[in-house]
Amino acid sequence: MIPVPANTRVWLAAGVTDMRTGFPSLAAQAEAVLQQDAFAGHPFMFRGRRGDLVKVIWWDGQGACMFTKRLERGHLAWPSAKEGKVALTLAQLAMLLEGIDWRTPQRTWQPLRAG
């Protein structure tokens, strides 16, 4: 798993990204399109056209980091918007990287009924 401190925000870039790009181009996209500082330590996620590949970039304080994951089966749950950004929690990040649809998680417990 990506070593993400608890106080960071995970930013997901809506739409698709050219997966041939490296950290410099993705960092520029984070700053221009997402309007976020790519060197603030927050992870930024980008998805490929087929939906089975994701790249995550972040600055860990010492250097630029890039994580790439390709699902062998299935696809990554991604917002349907063509542009913009979405903030994820660390739990949603973990679900997304496991191929679980983080947009509609189902709880296994039932809330207590009053009375």
PDB file of N, CA and C in Angstrom:
ATOM      1  N   MET A   1       0.841  -1.189   0.000  1.00  0.00           N
ATOM      2  CA  MET A   1       0.000   0.000   0.000  1.00  0.00           C
ATOM      3  C   MET A   1       0.874   1.237   0.000  1.00  0.00           C
ATOM      4  N   ILE A   2       0.349   2.312  -0.516  1.00  0.00           N
ATOM      5  CA  ILE A   2       1.066   3.576  -0.574  1.00  0.00           C
ATOM      6  C   ILE A   2       1.150   4.154   0.838  1.00  0.00           C
ATOM      7  N   PRO A   3       2.346   4.567   1.278  1.00  0.00           N
ATOM      8  CA  PRO A   3       2.479   5.134   2.627  1.00  0.00           C
ATOM      9  C   PRO A   3       1.923   6.553   2.672  1.00  0.00           C
ATOM     10  N   VAL A   4       0.651   6.686   2.994  1.00  0.00           N
ATOM     11  CA  VAL A   4      -0.017   7.981   3.017  1.00  0.00           C
ATOM     12  C   VAL A   4      -0.299   8.372   4.462  1.00  0.00           C
ATOM     13  N   PRO A   5       0.235   9.512   4.922  1.00  0.00           N
ATOM     14  CA  PRO A   5      -0.087   9.975   6.272  1.00  0.00           C
ATOM     15  C   PRO A   5      -1.583  10.247   6.411  1.00  0.00           C
ATOM     16  N   ALA A   6      -2.093  10.118   7.611  1.00  0.00           N
ATOM     17  CA  ALA A   6      -3.529  10.221   7.852  1.00  0.00           C
ATOM     18  C   ALA A   6      -4.107  11.591   7.517  1.00  0.00           C
ATOM     19  N   ASN A   7      -3.313  12.649   7.554  1.00  0.00           N
ATOM     20  CA  ASN A   7      -3.854  13.990   7.342  1.00  0.00           C
ATOM     21  C   ASN A   7      -3.789  14.453   5.892  1.00  0.00           C
ATOM     22  N   THR A   8      -3.473  13.584   4.949  1.00  0.00           N
ATOM     23  CA  THR A   8      -3.401  13.984   3.541  1.00  0.00           C
ATOM     24  C   THR A   8      -4.730  13.750   2.845  1.00  0.00           C
ATOM     25  N   ARG A   9      -4.946  14.465   1.756  1.00  0.00           N
ATOM     26  CA  ARG A   9      -6.128  14.263   0.914  1.00  0.00           C
ATOM     27  C   ARG A   9      -5.680  13.566  -0.357  1.00  0.00           C
ATOM     28  N   VAL A  10      -6.473  12.664  -0.832  1.00  0.00           N
ATOM     29  CA  VAL A  10      -6.192  11.946  -2.070  1.00  0.00           C
ATOM     30  C   VAL A  10      -7.036  12.590  -3.160  1.00  0.00           C
ATOM     31  N   TRP A  11      -6.396  13.066  -4.218  1.00  0.00           N
ATOM     32  CA  TRP A  11      -7.097  13.728  -5.316  1.00  0.00           C
ATOM     33  C   TRP A  11      -7.126  12.821  -6.530  1.00  0.00           C
ATOM     34  N   LEU A  12      -8.311  12.643  -7.068  1.00  0.00           N
ATOM     35  CA  LEU A  12      -8.534  11.808  -8.230  1.00  0.00           C
ATOM     36  C   LEU A  12      -8.895  12.715  -9.399  1.00  0.00           C
ATOM     37  N   ALA A  13      -8.189  12.614 -10.507  1.00  0.00           N
ATOM     38  CA  ALA A  13      -8.478  13.408 -11.701  1.00  0.00           C
ATOM     39  C   ALA A  13      -9.553  12.699 -12.513  1.00  0.00           C
ATOM     40  N   ALA A  14     -10.707  13.347 -12.678  1.00  0.00           N
ATOM     41  CA  ALA A  14     -11.791  12.759 -13.466  1.00  0.00           C
ATOM     42  C   ALA A  14     -11.370  12.694 -14.934  1.00  0.00           C
ATOM     43  N   GLY A  15     -11.986  11.805 -15.664  1.00  0.00           N
ATOM     44  CA  GLY A  15     -11.645  11.636 -17.075  1.00  0.00           C
ATOM     45  C   GLY A  15     -10.491  10.668 -17.243  1.00  0.00           C
ATOM     46  N   VAL A  16      -9.911  10.668 -18.430  1.00  0.00           N
ATOM     47  CA  VAL A  16      -8.805   9.760 -18.731  1.00  0.00           C
ATOM     48  C   VAL A  16      -7.527  10.552 -18.975  1.00  0.00           C
ATOM     49  N   THR A  17      -6.402   9.883 -18.746  1.00  0.00           N
ATOM     50  CA  THR A  17      -5.085  10.489 -18.891  1.00  0.00           C
ATOM     51  C   THR A  17      -4.221   9.594 -19.765  1.00  0.00           C
ATOM     52  N   ASP A  18      -3.351  10.200 -20.537  1.00  0.00           N
ATOM     53  CA  ASP A  18      -2.386   9.458 -21.338  1.00  0.00           C
ATOM     54  C   ASP A  18      -1.400   8.785 -20.377  1.00  0.00           C
ATOM     55  N   MET A  19      -1.397   7.480 -20.324  1.00  0.00           N
ATOM     56  CA  MET A  19      -0.571   6.753 -19.370  1.00  0.00           C
ATOM     57  C   MET A  19       0.891   6.647 -19.789  1.00  0.00           C
ATOM     58  N   ARG A  20       1.255   7.230 -20.919  1.00  0.00           N
ATOM     59  CA  ARG A  20       2.663   7.254 -21.321  1.00  0.00           C
ATOM     60  C   ARG A  20       3.429   8.353 -20.587  1.00  0.00           C
ATOM     61  N   THR A  21       2.721   9.234 -19.907  1.00  0.00           N
ATOM     62  CA  THR A  21       3.361  10.358 -19.233  1.00  0.00           C
ATOM     63  C   THR A  21       4.000   9.930 -17.919  1.00  0.00           C
ATOM     64  N   GLY A  22       5.034  10.668 -17.535  1.00  0.00           N
ATOM     65  CA  GLY A  22       5.733  10.397 -16.285  1.00  0.00           C
ATOM     66  C   GLY A  22       5.393  11.435 -15.230  1.00  0.00           C
ATOM     67  N   PHE A  23       6.193  11.460 -14.169  1.00  0.00           N
ATOM     68  CA  PHE A  23       5.911  12.355 -13.048  1.00  0.00           C
ATOM     69  C   PHE A  23       5.865  13.825 -13.450  1.00  0.00           C
ATOM     70  N   PRO A  24       6.825  14.344 -14.245  1.00  0.00           N
ATOM     71  CA  PRO A  24       6.774  15.782 -14.563  1.00  0.00           C
ATOM     72  C   PRO A  24       5.478  16.208 -15.256  1.00  0.00           C
ATOM     73  N   SER A  25       5.019  15.422 -16.230  1.00  0.00           N
ATOM     74  CA  SER A  25       3.786  15.763 -16.945  1.00  0.00           C
ATOM     75  C   SER A  25       2.558  15.611 -16.059  1.00  0.00           C
ATOM     76  N   LEU A  26       2.520  14.564 -15.242  1.00  0.00           N
ATOM     77  CA  LEU A  26       1.388  14.376 -14.339  1.00  0.00           C
ATOM     78  C   LEU A  26       1.364  15.453 -13.260  1.00  0.00           C
ATOM     79  N   ALA A  27       2.531  15.869 -12.767  1.00  0.00           N
ATOM     80  CA  ALA A  27       2.595  16.948 -11.784  1.00  0.00           C
ATOM     81  C   ALA A  27       2.102  18.256 -12.389  1.00  0.00           C
ATOM     82  N   ALA A  28       2.468  18.516 -13.648  1.00  0.00           N
ATOM     83  CA  ALA A  28       1.990  19.715 -14.335  1.00  0.00           C
ATOM     84  C   ALA A  28       0.480  19.664 -14.512  1.00  0.00           C
ATOM     85  N   GLN A  29      -0.047  18.480 -14.803  1.00  0.00           N
ATOM     86  CA  GLN A  29      -1.497  18.322 -14.947  1.00  0.00           C
ATOM     87  C   GLN A  29      -2.197  18.534 -13.606  1.00  0.00           C
ATOM     88  N   ALA A  30      -1.598  18.045 -12.530  1.00  0.00           N
ATOM     89  CA  ALA A  30      -2.179  18.248 -11.195  1.00  0.00           C
ATOM     90  C   ALA A  30      -2.263  19.733 -10.865  1.00  0.00           C
ATOM     91  N   GLU A  31      -1.243  20.475 -11.242  1.00  0.00           N
ATOM     92  CA  GLU A  31      -1.228  21.900 -10.943  1.00  0.00           C
ATOM     93  C   GLU A  31      -2.138  22.700 -11.873  1.00  0.00           C
ATOM     94  N   ALA A  32      -2.175  22.362 -13.153  1.00  0.00           N
ATOM     95  CA  ALA A  32      -2.969  23.121 -14.112  1.00  0.00           C
ATOM     96  C   ALA A  32      -4.455  22.751 -14.077  1.00  0.00           C
ATOM     97  N   VAL A  33      -4.741  21.469 -14.141  1.00  0.00           N
ATOM     98  CA  VAL A  33      -6.129  21.014 -14.239  1.00  0.00           C
ATOM     99  C   VAL A  33      -6.790  20.899 -12.863  1.00  0.00           C
ATOM    100  N   LEU A  34      -6.097  20.271 -11.927  1.00  0.00           N
ATOM    101  CA  LEU A  34      -6.675  20.062 -10.605  1.00  0.00           C
ATOM    102  C   LEU A  34      -6.483  21.259  -9.686  1.00  0.00           C
ATOM    103  N   GLN A  35      -5.622  22.198 -10.093  1.00  0.00           N
ATOM    104  CA  GLN A  35      -5.334  23.401  -9.323  1.00  0.00           C
ATOM    105  C   GLN A  35      -4.867  23.071  -7.905  1.00  0.00           C
ATOM    106  N   GLN A  36      -3.945  22.118  -7.814  1.00  0.00           N
ATOM    107  CA  GLN A  36      -3.362  21.694  -6.550  1.00  0.00           C
ATOM    108  C   GLN A  36      -1.848  21.700  -6.685  1.00  0.00           C
ATOM    109  N   ASP A  37      -1.140  21.934  -5.583  1.00  0.00           N
ATOM    110  CA  ASP A  37       0.315  21.895  -5.573  1.00  0.00           C
ATOM    111  C   ASP A  37       0.767  20.441  -5.568  1.00  0.00           C
ATOM    112  N   ALA A  38       1.432  20.028  -6.632  1.00  0.00           N
ATOM    113  CA  ALA A  38       1.864  18.632  -6.762  1.00  0.00           C
ATOM    114  C   ALA A  38       2.944  18.264  -5.749  1.00  0.00           C
ATOM    115  N   PHE A  39       3.558  19.248  -5.117  1.00  0.00           N
ATOM    116  CA  PHE A  39       4.637  18.992  -4.173  1.00  0.00           C
ATOM    117  C   PHE A  39       4.200  19.230  -2.724  1.00  0.00           C
ATOM    118  N   ALA A  40       2.899  19.174  -2.461  1.00  0.00           N
ATOM    119  CA  ALA A  40       2.369  19.378  -1.109  1.00  0.00           C
ATOM    120  C   ALA A  40       2.271  18.071  -0.326  1.00  0.00           C
ATOM    121  N   GLY A  41       2.542  16.936  -0.963  1.00  0.00           N
ATOM    122  CA  GLY A  41       2.495  15.646  -0.283  1.00  0.00           C
ATOM    123  C   GLY A  41       1.190  14.890  -0.454  1.00  0.00           C
ATOM    124  N   HIS A  42       0.231  15.467  -1.168  1.00  0.00           N
ATOM    125  CA  HIS A  42      -1.043  14.788  -1.398  1.00  0.00           C
ATOM    126  C   HIS A  42      -0.930  13.889  -2.628  1.00  0.00           C
ATOM    127  N   PRO A  43      -1.469  12.678  -2.576  1.00  0.00           N
ATOM    128  CA  PRO A  43      -1.452  11.801  -3.749  1.00  0.00           C
ATOM    129  C   PRO A  43      -2.447  12.271  -4.808  1.00  0.00           C
ATOM    130  N   PHE A  44      -2.053  12.167  -6.062  1.00  0.00           N
ATOM    131  CA  PHE A  44      -2.903  12.493  -7.199  1.00  0.00           C
ATOM    132  C   PHE A  44      -3.018  11.251  -8.062  1.00  0.00           C
ATOM    133  N   MET A  45      -4.267  10.889  -8.420  1.00  0.00           N
ATOM    134  CA  MET A  45      -4.520   9.662  -9.161  1.00  0.00           C
ATOM    135  C   MET A  45      -5.020   9.974 -10.565  1.00  0.00           C
ATOM    136  N   PHE A  46      -4.522   9.203 -11.531  1.00  0.00           N
ATOM    137  CA  PHE A  46      -4.887   9.362 -12.931  1.00  0.00           C
ATOM    138  C   PHE A  46      -5.193   7.989 -13.510  1.00  0.00           C
ATOM    139  N   ARG A  47      -6.237   7.914 -14.353  1.00  0.00           N
ATOM    140  CA  ARG A  47      -6.670   6.635 -14.926  1.00  0.00           C
ATOM    141  C   ARG A  47      -6.459   6.613 -16.427  1.00  0.00           C
ATOM    142  N   GLY A  48      -6.100   5.442 -16.938  1.00  0.00           N
ATOM    143  CA  GLY A  48      -5.933   5.254 -18.369  1.00  0.00           C
ATOM    144  C   GLY A  48      -7.260   5.090 -19.079  1.00  0.00           C
ATOM    145  N   ARG A  49      -7.213   5.101 -20.398  1.00  0.00           N
ATOM    146  CA  ARG A  49      -8.424   5.050 -21.220  1.00  0.00           C
ATOM    147  C   ARG A  49      -9.224   3.759 -21.035  1.00  0.00           C
ATOM    148  N   ARG A  50      -8.546   2.611 -20.937  1.00  0.00           N
ATOM    149  CA  ARG A  50      -9.261   1.327 -20.806  1.00  0.00           C
ATOM    150  C   ARG A  50      -9.867   1.125 -19.424  1.00  0.00           C
ATOM    151  N   GLY A  51      -9.401   1.854 -18.436  1.00  0.00           N
ATOM    152  CA  GLY A  51      -9.983   1.741 -17.109  1.00  0.00           C
ATOM    153  C   GLY A  51      -9.363   0.671 -16.234  1.00  0.00           C
ATOM    154  N   ASP A  52      -8.286   0.056 -16.694  1.00  0.00           N
ATOM    155  CA  ASP A  52      -7.657  -0.985 -15.881  1.00  0.00           C
ATOM    156  C   ASP A  52      -6.303  -0.546 -15.311  1.00  0.00           C
ATOM    157  N   LEU A  53      -5.881   0.686 -15.621  1.00  0.00           N
ATOM    158  CA  LEU A  53      -4.575   1.175 -15.207  1.00  0.00           C
ATOM    159  C   LEU A  53      -4.720   2.503 -14.473  1.00  0.00           C
ATOM    160  N   VAL A  54      -4.015   2.631 -13.354  1.00  0.00           N
ATOM    161  CA  VAL A  54      -4.017   3.873 -12.583  1.00  0.00           C
ATOM    162  C   VAL A  54      -2.578   4.228 -12.236  1.00  0.00           C
ATOM    163  N   LYS A  55      -2.286   5.533 -12.264  1.00  0.00           N
ATOM    164  CA  LYS A  55      -0.999   6.043 -11.799  1.00  0.00           C
ATOM    165  C   LYS A  55      -1.281   7.000 -10.648  1.00  0.00           C
ATOM    166  N   VAL A  56      -0.476   6.867  -9.604  1.00  0.00           N
ATOM    167  CA  VAL A  56      -0.586   7.742  -8.435  1.00  0.00           C
ATOM    168  C   VAL A  56       0.769   8.419  -8.272  1.00  0.00           C
ATOM    169  N   ILE A  57       0.749   9.755  -8.162  1.00  0.00           N
ATOM    170  CA  ILE A  57       1.986  10.485  -7.914  1.00  0.00           C
ATOM    171  C   ILE A  57       1.870  11.229  -6.596  1.00  0.00           C
ATOM    172  N   TRP A  58       2.986  11.396  -5.916  1.00  0.00           N
ATOM    173  CA  TRP A  58       3.018  12.205  -4.700  1.00  0.00           C
ATOM    174  C   TRP A  58       4.459  12.565  -4.382  1.00  0.00           C
ATOM    175  N   TRP A  59       4.613  13.606  -3.609  1.00  0.00           N
ATOM    176  CA  TRP A  59       5.918  14.062  -3.142  1.00  0.00           C
ATOM    177  C   TRP A  59       6.020  13.638  -1.695  1.00  0.00           C
ATOM    178  N   ASP A  60       7.019  12.830  -1.341  1.00  0.00           N
ATOM    179  CA  ASP A  60       7.116  12.315   0.025  1.00  0.00           C
ATOM    180  C   ASP A  60       8.022  13.159   0.917  1.00  0.00           C
ATOM    181  N   GLY A  61       8.410  14.328   0.445  1.00  0.00           N
ATOM    182  CA  GLY A  61       9.274  15.197   1.222  1.00  0.00           C
ATOM    183  C   GLY A  61      10.737  15.065   0.853  1.00  0.00           C
ATOM    184  N   GLN A  62      11.078  13.945   0.235  1.00  0.00           N
ATOM    185  CA  GLN A  62      12.457  13.707  -0.191  1.00  0.00           C
ATOM    186  C   GLN A  62      12.587  13.594  -1.703  1.00  0.00           C
ATOM    187  N   GLY A  63      11.510  13.212  -2.339  1.00  0.00           N
ATOM    188  CA  GLY A  63      11.557  13.018  -3.780  1.00  0.00           C
ATOM    189  C   GLY A  63      10.196  12.700  -4.361  1.00  0.00           C
ATOM    190  N   ALA A  64      10.163  12.645  -5.667  1.00  0.00           N
ATOM    191  CA  ALA A  64       8.934  12.348  -6.392  1.00  0.00           C
ATOM    192  C   ALA A  64       8.703  10.848  -6.421  1.00  0.00           C
ATOM    193  N   CYS A  65       7.475  10.444  -6.165  1.00  0.00           N
ATOM    194  CA  CYS A  65       7.107   9.024  -6.155  1.00  0.00           C
ATOM    195  C   CYS A  65       5.985   8.785  -7.167  1.00  0.00           C
ATOM    196  N   MET A  66       6.029   7.631  -7.812  1.00  0.00           N
ATOM    197  CA  MET A  66       4.963   7.243  -8.718  1.00  0.00           C
ATOM    198  C   MET A  66       4.658   5.767  -8.512  1.00  0.00           C
ATOM    199  N   PHE A  67       3.367   5.480  -8.368  1.00  0.00           N
ATOM    200  CA  PHE A  67       2.877   4.122  -8.181  1.00  0.00           C
ATOM    201  C   PHE A  67       1.975   3.823  -9.375  1.00  0.00           C
ATOM    202  N   THR A  68       2.155   2.688  -9.985  1.00  0.00           N
ATOM    203  CA  THR A  68       1.321   2.268 -11.116  1.00  0.00           C
ATOM    204  C   THR A  68       0.705   0.919 -10.787  1.00  0.00           C
ATOM    205  N   LYS A  69      -0.598   0.792 -11.059  1.00  0.00           N
ATOM    206  CA  LYS A  69      -1.263  -0.491 -10.844  1.00  0.00           C
ATOM    207  C   LYS A  69      -2.167  -0.781 -12.026  1.00  0.00           C
ATOM    208  N   ARG A  70      -2.084  -2.012 -12.524  1.00  0.00           N
ATOM    209  CA  ARG A  70      -2.961  -2.478 -13.576  1.00  0.00           C
ATOM    210  C   ARG A  70      -3.735  -3.675 -13.048  1.00  0.00           C
ATOM    211  N   LEU A  71      -5.044  -3.618 -13.150  1.00  0.00           N
ATOM    212  CA  LEU A  71      -5.879  -4.745 -12.754  1.00  0.00           C
ATOM    213  C   LEU A  71      -5.866  -5.784 -13.866  1.00  0.00           C
ATOM    214  N   GLU A  72      -5.635  -7.026 -13.526  1.00  0.00           N
ATOM    215  CA  GLU A  72      -5.633  -8.101 -14.518  1.00  0.00           C
ATOM    216  C   GLU A  72      -7.042  -8.444 -14.983  1.00  0.00           C
ATOM    217  N   ARG A  73      -8.009  -8.295 -14.076  1.00  0.00           N
ATOM    218  CA  ARG A  73      -9.411  -8.540 -14.416  1.00  0.00           C
ATOM    219  C   ARG A  73     -10.229  -7.372 -13.882  1.00  0.00           C
ATOM    220  N   GLY A  74     -11.241  -6.983 -14.613  1.00  0.00           N
ATOM    221  CA  GLY A  74     -12.120  -5.910 -14.173  1.00  0.00           C
ATOM    222  C   GLY A  74     -11.569  -4.538 -14.517  1.00  0.00           C
ATOM    223  N   HIS A  75     -12.173  -3.527 -13.919  1.00  0.00           N
ATOM    224  CA  HIS A  75     -11.758  -2.161 -14.169  1.00  0.00           C
ATOM    225  C   HIS A  75     -11.882  -1.343 -12.896  1.00  0.00           C
ATOM    226  N   LEU A  76     -11.260  -0.195 -12.891  1.00  0.00           N
ATOM    227  CA  LEU A  76     -11.276   0.695 -11.739  1.00  0.00           C
ATOM    228  C   LEU A  76     -12.564   1.514 -11.734  1.00  0.00           C
ATOM    229  N   ALA A  77     -13.186   1.633 -10.565  1.00  0.00           N
ATOM    230  CA  ALA A  77     -14.381   2.466 -10.432  1.00  0.00           C
ATOM    231  C   ALA A  77     -13.941   3.919 -10.482  1.00  0.00           C
ATOM    232  N   TRP A  78     -14.461   4.670 -11.454  1.00  0.00           N
ATOM    233  CA  TRP A  78     -14.020   6.050 -11.683  1.00  0.00           C
ATOM    234  C   TRP A  78     -15.239   6.930 -11.890  1.00  0.00           C
ATOM    235  N   PRO A  79     -15.183   8.190 -11.492  1.00  0.00           N
ATOM    236  CA  PRO A  79     -16.332   9.077 -11.727  1.00  0.00           C
ATOM    237  C   PRO A  79     -16.631   9.208 -13.215  1.00  0.00           C
ATOM    238  N   SER A  80     -17.875   9.417 -13.552  1.00  0.00           N
ATOM    239  CA  SER A  80     -18.261   9.519 -14.966  1.00  0.00           C
ATOM    240  C   SER A  80     -17.984  10.901 -15.552  1.00  0.00           C
ATOM    241  N   ALA A  81     -17.643  11.881 -14.731  1.00  0.00           N
ATOM    242  CA  ALA A  81     -17.348  13.225 -15.228  1.00  0.00           C
ATOM    243  C   ALA A  81     -16.126  13.191 -16.142  1.00  0.00           C
ATOM    244  N   LYS A  82     -16.119  14.048 -17.149  1.00  0.00           N
ATOM    245  CA  LYS A  82     -15.017  14.105 -18.113  1.00  0.00           C
ATOM    246  C   LYS A  82     -13.855  14.955 -17.614  1.00  0.00           C
ATOM    247  N   GLU A  83     -14.110  15.857 -16.667  1.00  0.00           N
ATOM    248  CA  GLU A  83     -13.049  16.707 -16.126  1.00  0.00           C
ATOM    249  C   GLU A  83     -13.376  17.068 -14.691  1.00  0.00           C
ATOM    250  N   GLY A  84     -12.393  17.620 -14.006  1.00  0.00           N
ATOM    251  CA  GLY A  84     -12.579  18.006 -12.617  1.00  0.00           C
ATOM    252  C   GLY A  84     -11.781  17.103 -11.699  1.00  0.00           C
ATOM    253  N   LYS A  85     -12.101  17.190 -10.414  1.00  0.00           N
ATOM    254  CA  LYS A  85     -11.380  16.411  -9.417  1.00  0.00           C
ATOM    255  C   LYS A  85     -12.336  15.923  -8.347  1.00  0.00           C
ATOM    256  N   VAL A  86     -11.932  14.861  -7.680  1.00  0.00           N
ATOM    257  CA  VAL A  86     -12.703  14.265  -6.594  1.00  0.00           C
ATOM    258  C   VAL A  86     -11.730  13.982  -5.465  1.00  0.00           C
ATOM    259  N   ALA A  87     -12.113  14.307  -4.238  1.00  0.00           N
ATOM    260  CA  ALA A  87     -11.289  13.988  -3.074  1.00  0.00           C
ATOM    261  C   ALA A  87     -11.740  12.649  -2.509  1.00  0.00           C
ATOM    262  N   LEU A  88     -10.783  11.774  -2.230  1.00  0.00           N
ATOM    263  CA  LEU A  88     -11.072  10.455  -1.670  1.00  0.00           C
ATOM    264  C   LEU A  88     -10.517  10.357  -0.258  1.00  0.00           C
ATOM    265  N   THR A  89     -11.148   9.526   0.541  1.00  0.00           N
ATOM    266  CA  THR A  89     -10.600   9.186   1.847  1.00  0.00           C
ATOM    267  C   THR A  89      -9.577   8.072   1.650  1.00  0.00           C
ATOM    268  N   LEU A  90      -8.812   7.793   2.685  1.00  0.00           N
ATOM    269  CA  LEU A  90      -7.844   6.697   2.588  1.00  0.00           C
ATOM    270  C   LEU A  90      -8.549   5.356   2.414  1.00  0.00           C
ATOM    271  N   ALA A  91      -9.724   5.193   3.029  1.00  0.00           N
ATOM    272  CA  ALA A  91     -10.491   3.956   2.866  1.00  0.00           C
ATOM    273  C   ALA A  91     -10.964   3.804   1.415  1.00  0.00           C
ATOM    274  N   GLN A  92     -11.420   4.900   0.803  1.00  0.00           N
ATOM    275  CA  GLN A  92     -11.843   4.849  -0.591  1.00  0.00           C
ATOM    276  C   GLN A  92     -10.666   4.553  -1.517  1.00  0.00           C
ATOM    277  N   LEU A  93      -9.502   5.110  -1.198  1.00  0.00           N
ATOM    278  CA  LEU A  93      -8.292   4.814  -1.973  1.00  0.00           C
ATOM    279  C   LEU A  93      -7.984   3.324  -1.927  1.00  0.00           C
ATOM    280  N   ALA A  94      -8.049   2.737  -0.741  1.00  0.00           N
ATOM    281  CA  ALA A  94      -7.767   1.310  -0.603  1.00  0.00           C
ATOM    282  C   ALA A  94      -8.765   0.478  -1.406  1.00  0.00           C
ATOM    283  N   MET A  95     -10.047   0.847  -1.366  1.00  0.00           N
ATOM    284  CA  MET A  95     -11.055   0.111  -2.130  1.00  0.00           C
ATOM    285  C   MET A  95     -10.800   0.241  -3.623  1.00  0.00           C
ATOM    286  N   LEU A  96     -10.499   1.447  -4.101  1.00  0.00           N
ATOM    287  CA  LEU A  96     -10.253   1.662  -5.520  1.00  0.00           C
ATOM    288  C   LEU A  96      -9.091   0.818  -6.004  1.00  0.00           C
ATOM    289  N   LEU A  97      -7.998   0.786  -5.251  1.00  0.00           N
ATOM    290  CA  LEU A  97      -6.827   0.016  -5.661  1.00  0.00           C
ATOM    291  C   LEU A  97      -7.068  -1.489  -5.612  1.00  0.00           C
ATOM    292  N   GLU A  98      -8.074  -1.923  -4.867  1.00  0.00           N
ATOM    293  CA  GLU A  98      -8.436  -3.348  -4.822  1.00  0.00           C
ATOM    294  C   GLU A  98      -9.469  -3.720  -5.882  1.00  0.00           C
ATOM    295  N   GLY A  99      -9.925  -2.732  -6.659  1.00  0.00           N
ATOM    296  CA  GLY A  99     -10.929  -2.998  -7.682  1.00  0.00           C
ATOM    297  C   GLY A  99     -12.349  -2.998  -7.158  1.00  0.00           C
ATOM    298  N   ILE A 100     -12.564  -2.444  -5.968  1.00  0.00           N
ATOM    299  CA  ILE A 100     -13.893  -2.368  -5.349  1.00  0.00           C
ATOM    300  C   ILE A 100     -14.511  -1.017  -5.700  1.00  0.00           C
ATOM    301  N   ASP A 101     -15.810  -1.002  -5.983  1.00  0.00           N
ATOM    302  CA  ASP A 101     -16.491   0.252  -6.299  1.00  0.00           C
ATOM    303  C   ASP A 101     -16.645   1.069  -5.023  1.00  0.00           C
ATOM    304  N   TRP A 102     -15.794   2.066  -4.840  1.00  0.00           N
ATOM    305  CA  TRP A 102     -15.767   2.894  -3.645  1.00  0.00           C
ATOM    306  C   TRP A 102     -16.922   3.894  -3.606  1.00  0.00           C
ATOM    307  N   ARG A 103     -17.622   4.079  -4.743  1.00  0.00           N
ATOM    308  CA  ARG A 103     -18.694   5.075  -4.808  1.00  0.00           C
ATOM    309  C   ARG A 103     -19.958   4.619  -4.094  1.00  0.00           C
ATOM    310  N   THR A 104     -20.170   3.315  -4.002  1.00  0.00           N
ATOM    311  CA  THR A 104     -21.382   2.799  -3.352  1.00  0.00           C
ATOM    312  C   THR A 104     -21.030   1.645  -2.413  1.00  0.00           C
ATOM    313  N   PRO A 105     -20.239   1.926  -1.373  1.00  0.00           N
ATOM    314  CA  PRO A 105     -19.892   0.837  -0.452  1.00  0.00           C
ATOM    315  C   PRO A 105     -21.113   0.397   0.355  1.00  0.00           C
ATOM    316  N   GLN A 106     -21.152  -0.866   0.676  1.00  0.00           N
ATOM    317  CA  GLN A 106     -22.252  -1.429   1.451  1.00  0.00           C
ATOM    318  C   GLN A 106     -21.758  -1.796   2.845  1.00  0.00           C
ATOM    319  N   ARG A 107     -22.406  -1.279   3.849  1.00  0.00           N
ATOM    320  CA  ARG A 107     -22.052  -1.627   5.227  1.00  0.00           C
ATOM    321  C   ARG A 107     -22.631  -2.991   5.566  1.00  0.00           C
ATOM    322  N   THR A 108     -21.932  -3.750   6.390  1.00  0.00           N
ATOM    323  CA  THR A 108     -22.409  -5.070   6.776  1.00  0.00           C
ATOM    324  C   THR A 108     -23.163  -5.053   8.096  1.00  0.00           C
ATOM    325  N   TRP A 109     -23.205  -3.916   8.764  1.00  0.00           N
ATOM    326  CA  TRP A 109     -23.905  -3.806  10.036  1.00  0.00           C
ATOM    327  C   TRP A 109     -25.166  -2.974   9.847  1.00  0.00           C
ATOM    328  N   GLN A 110     -26.109  -3.172  10.711  1.00  0.00           N
ATOM    329  CA  GLN A 110     -27.356  -2.416  10.672  1.00  0.00           C
ATOM    330  C   GLN A 110     -27.338  -1.413  11.828  1.00  0.00           C
ATOM    331  N   PRO A 111     -27.812  -0.175  11.590  1.00  0.00           N
ATOM    332  CA  PRO A 111     -27.866   0.781  12.692  1.00  0.00           C
ATOM    333  C   PRO A 111     -28.870   0.345  13.759  1.00  0.00           C
ATOM    334  N   LEU A 112     -28.597   0.732  14.989  1.00  0.00           N
ATOM    335  CA  LEU A 112     -29.522   0.413  16.080  1.00  0.00           C
ATOM    336  C   LEU A 112     -30.820   1.154  15.906  1.00  0.00           C
ATOM    337  N   ARG A 113     -31.910   0.457  16.164  1.00  0.00           N
ATOM    338  CA  ARG A 113     -33.234   1.092  16.058  1.00  0.00           C
ATOM    339  C   ARG A 113     -33.621   1.669  17.402  1.00  0.00           C
ATOM    340  N   ALA A 114     -34.156   2.865  17.375  1.00  0.00           N
ATOM    341  CA  ALA A 114     -34.604   3.508  18.619  1.00  0.00           C
ATOM    342  C   ALA A 114     -35.874   2.814  19.097  1.00  0.00           C
ATOM    343  N   GLY A 115     -35.944   2.673  20.400  1.00  0.00           N
ATOM    344  CA  GLY A 115     -37.190   2.158  20.969  1.00  0.00           C
ATOM    345  C   GLY A 115     -37.125   0.816  21.440  1.00  0.00           C
TER     346      GLY A 115
END
